[in-house]
Amino acid sequence: MVLQKTKRGKDGLTEADLRLVLYEQALQNSPDLVSIVDKDGVFRTVNSAYLKRYQKEEKEIVGHPATEVLGEEIFENVIKPRLDRCFA
């Protein structure tokens, strides 16, 4: 997705800022469990459904390695193969 407009609207947001806000709202309101994990296996963000499922607060997940949050076995057998495919 290419964002070209930088003109600010009435609310002071650029089109790119507005799209980011809308994306975040969609992510947070999704009933699906959504997480973003970086190449090092560290959680960068999770949505509210993810927090509810694991009964944790955001500060207990975001910034922490998936091995710490989900356990070494789940990370190695489920998460790592998927990350390897994504970052290949």
C-alpha atoms as a PDB file:
ATOM      1  CA  MET A   1       0.000   0.000   0.000  1.00  0.00           C
ATOM      2  CA  VAL A   2       1.469   3.327  -1.048  1.00  0.00           C
ATOM      3  CA  LEU A   3       0.477   6.377   0.943  1.00  0.00           C
ATOM      4  CA  GLN A   4       1.130   9.527  -1.046  1.00  0.00           C
ATOM      5  CA  LYS A   5      -0.978  12.244   0.541  1.00  0.00           C
ATOM      6  CA  THR A   6       0.459  14.158   3.472  1.00  0.00           C
ATOM      7  CA  LYS A   7      -2.120  16.955   3.580  1.00  0.00           C
ATOM      8  CA  ARG A   8      -3.672  17.281   6.998  1.00  0.00           C
ATOM      9  CA  GLY A   9      -7.440  17.104   7.376  1.00  0.00           C
ATOM     10  CA  LYS A  10      -9.743  18.959   9.761  1.00  0.00           C
ATOM     11  CA  ASP A  11      -8.734  16.666  12.619  1.00  0.00           C
ATOM     12  CA  GLY A  12      -5.019  17.342  12.070  1.00  0.00           C
ATOM     13  CA  LEU A  13      -4.323  13.810  10.835  1.00  0.00           C
ATOM     14  CA  THR A  14      -2.634  12.992   7.572  1.00  0.00           C
ATOM     15  CA  GLU A  15      -4.256  10.377   5.372  1.00  0.00           C
ATOM     16  CA  ALA A  16      -1.517   7.967   6.458  1.00  0.00           C
ATOM     17  CA  ASP A  17      -2.251   8.692  10.131  1.00  0.00           C
ATOM     18  CA  LEU A  18      -5.962   8.135   9.572  1.00  0.00           C
ATOM     19  CA  ARG A  19      -5.361   4.811   7.827  1.00  0.00           C
ATOM     20  CA  LEU A  20      -3.152   3.723  10.699  1.00  0.00           C
ATOM     21  CA  VAL A  21      -5.865   4.618  13.232  1.00  0.00           C
ATOM     22  CA  LEU A  22      -8.478   2.723  11.217  1.00  0.00           C
ATOM     23  CA  TYR A  23      -6.174  -0.293  10.894  1.00  0.00           C
ATOM     24  CA  GLU A  24      -5.543  -0.299  14.640  1.00  0.00           C
ATOM     25  CA  GLN A  25      -9.276  -0.099  15.371  1.00  0.00           C
ATOM     26  CA  ALA A  26      -9.996  -2.991  13.009  1.00  0.00           C
ATOM     27  CA  LEU A  27      -7.224  -5.057  14.594  1.00  0.00           C
ATOM     28  CA  GLN A  28      -8.345  -4.340  18.149  1.00  0.00           C
ATOM     29  CA  ASN A  29     -12.011  -5.041  17.413  1.00  0.00           C
ATOM     30  CA  SER A  30     -11.434  -8.285  15.554  1.00  0.00           C
ATOM     31  CA  PRO A  31     -12.762 -11.384  17.322  1.00  0.00           C
ATOM     32  CA  ASP A  32      -9.751 -13.282  15.926  1.00  0.00           C
ATOM     33  CA  LEU A  33      -6.571 -13.606  17.951  1.00  0.00           C
ATOM     34  CA  VAL A  34      -3.998 -11.344  16.315  1.00  0.00           C
ATOM     35  CA  SER A  35      -0.378 -10.876  17.301  1.00  0.00           C
ATOM     36  CA  ILE A  36       2.650  -9.370  15.630  1.00  0.00           C
ATOM     37  CA  VAL A  37       5.946 -11.038  16.475  1.00  0.00           C
ATOM     38  CA  ASP A  38       9.302  -9.811  15.184  1.00  0.00           C
ATOM     39  CA  LYS A  39      12.188 -11.845  13.720  1.00  0.00           C
ATOM     40  CA  ASP A  40      13.547 -12.442  17.226  1.00  0.00           C
ATOM     41  CA  GLY A  41      10.269 -13.949  18.409  1.00  0.00           C
ATOM     42  CA  VAL A  42       9.328 -10.929  20.539  1.00  0.00           C
ATOM     43  CA  PHE A  43       5.713  -9.793  20.661  1.00  0.00           C
ATOM     44  CA  ARG A  44       5.302  -6.279  19.235  1.00  0.00           C
ATOM     45  CA  THR A  45       1.519  -6.015  19.594  1.00  0.00           C
ATOM     46  CA  VAL A  46      -1.530  -8.149  20.310  1.00  0.00           C
ATOM     47  CA  ASN A  47      -5.230  -7.393  20.076  1.00  0.00           C
ATOM     48  CA  SER A  48      -7.830  -7.482  22.817  1.00  0.00           C
ATOM     49  CA  ALA A  49      -9.090 -10.933  21.766  1.00  0.00           C
ATOM     50  CA  TYR A  50      -5.555 -12.279  22.245  1.00  0.00           C
ATOM     51  CA  LEU A  51      -5.334 -10.730  25.716  1.00  0.00           C
ATOM     52  CA  LYS A  52      -8.720 -12.135  26.673  1.00  0.00           C
ATOM     53  CA  ARG A  53      -7.866 -15.652  25.433  1.00  0.00           C
ATOM     54  CA  TYR A  54      -4.617 -15.791  27.409  1.00  0.00           C
ATOM     55  CA  GLN A  55      -6.041 -13.812  30.347  1.00  0.00           C
ATOM     56  CA  LYS A  56      -3.103 -11.431  30.382  1.00  0.00           C
ATOM     57  CA  GLU A  57      -2.516  -7.704  30.286  1.00  0.00           C
ATOM     58  CA  GLU A  58      -0.729  -6.107  27.351  1.00  0.00           C
ATOM     59  CA  LYS A  59       2.368  -5.375  29.463  1.00  0.00           C
ATOM     60  CA  GLU A  60       2.684  -9.108  30.207  1.00  0.00           C
ATOM     61  CA  ILE A  61       2.975  -9.951  26.499  1.00  0.00           C
ATOM     62  CA  VAL A  62       4.169  -7.007  24.413  1.00  0.00           C
ATOM     63  CA  GLY A  63       7.954  -6.717  24.533  1.00  0.00           C
ATOM     64  CA  HIS A  64       8.350 -10.261  25.819  1.00  0.00           C
ATOM     65  CA  PRO A  65       9.673 -13.266  23.888  1.00  0.00           C
ATOM     66  CA  ALA A  66       7.073 -15.762  22.693  1.00  0.00           C
ATOM     67  CA  THR A  67       9.041 -18.484  24.485  1.00  0.00           C
ATOM     68  CA  GLU A  68       8.402 -16.693  27.768  1.00  0.00           C
ATOM     69  CA  VAL A  69       4.702 -16.060  27.099  1.00  0.00           C
ATOM     70  CA  LEU A  70       3.701 -19.300  25.372  1.00  0.00           C
ATOM     71  CA  GLY A  71       6.434 -21.702  26.488  1.00  0.00           C
ATOM     72  CA  GLU A  72       9.439 -23.136  24.691  1.00  0.00           C
ATOM     73  CA  GLU A  73       7.617 -26.177  23.287  1.00  0.00           C
ATOM     74  CA  ILE A  74       4.773 -24.221  21.675  1.00  0.00           C
ATOM     75  CA  PHE A  75       7.228 -21.686  20.307  1.00  0.00           C
ATOM     76  CA  GLU A  76       9.521 -24.303  18.737  1.00  0.00           C
ATOM     77  CA  ASN A  77       6.748 -26.516  17.355  1.00  0.00           C
ATOM     78  CA  VAL A  78       4.097 -23.981  16.330  1.00  0.00           C
ATOM     79  CA  ILE A  79       5.333 -20.393  16.246  1.00  0.00           C
ATOM     80  CA  LYS A  80       8.930 -20.700  15.001  1.00  0.00           C
ATOM     81  CA  PRO A  81       8.094 -22.688  11.822  1.00  0.00           C
ATOM     82  CA  ARG A  82       5.532 -20.010  10.904  1.00  0.00           C
ATOM     83  CA  LEU A  83       7.949 -17.183  11.646  1.00  0.00           C
ATOM     84  CA  ASP A  84      10.626 -18.894   9.561  1.00  0.00           C
ATOM     85  CA  ARG A  85       8.214 -19.009   6.604  1.00  0.00           C
ATOM     86  CA  CYS A  86       7.220 -15.373   7.059  1.00  0.00           C
ATOM     87  CA  PHE A  87      10.762 -14.062   7.294  1.00  0.00           C
ATOM     88  CA  ALA A  88      12.301 -16.321   4.629  1.00  0.00           C
END
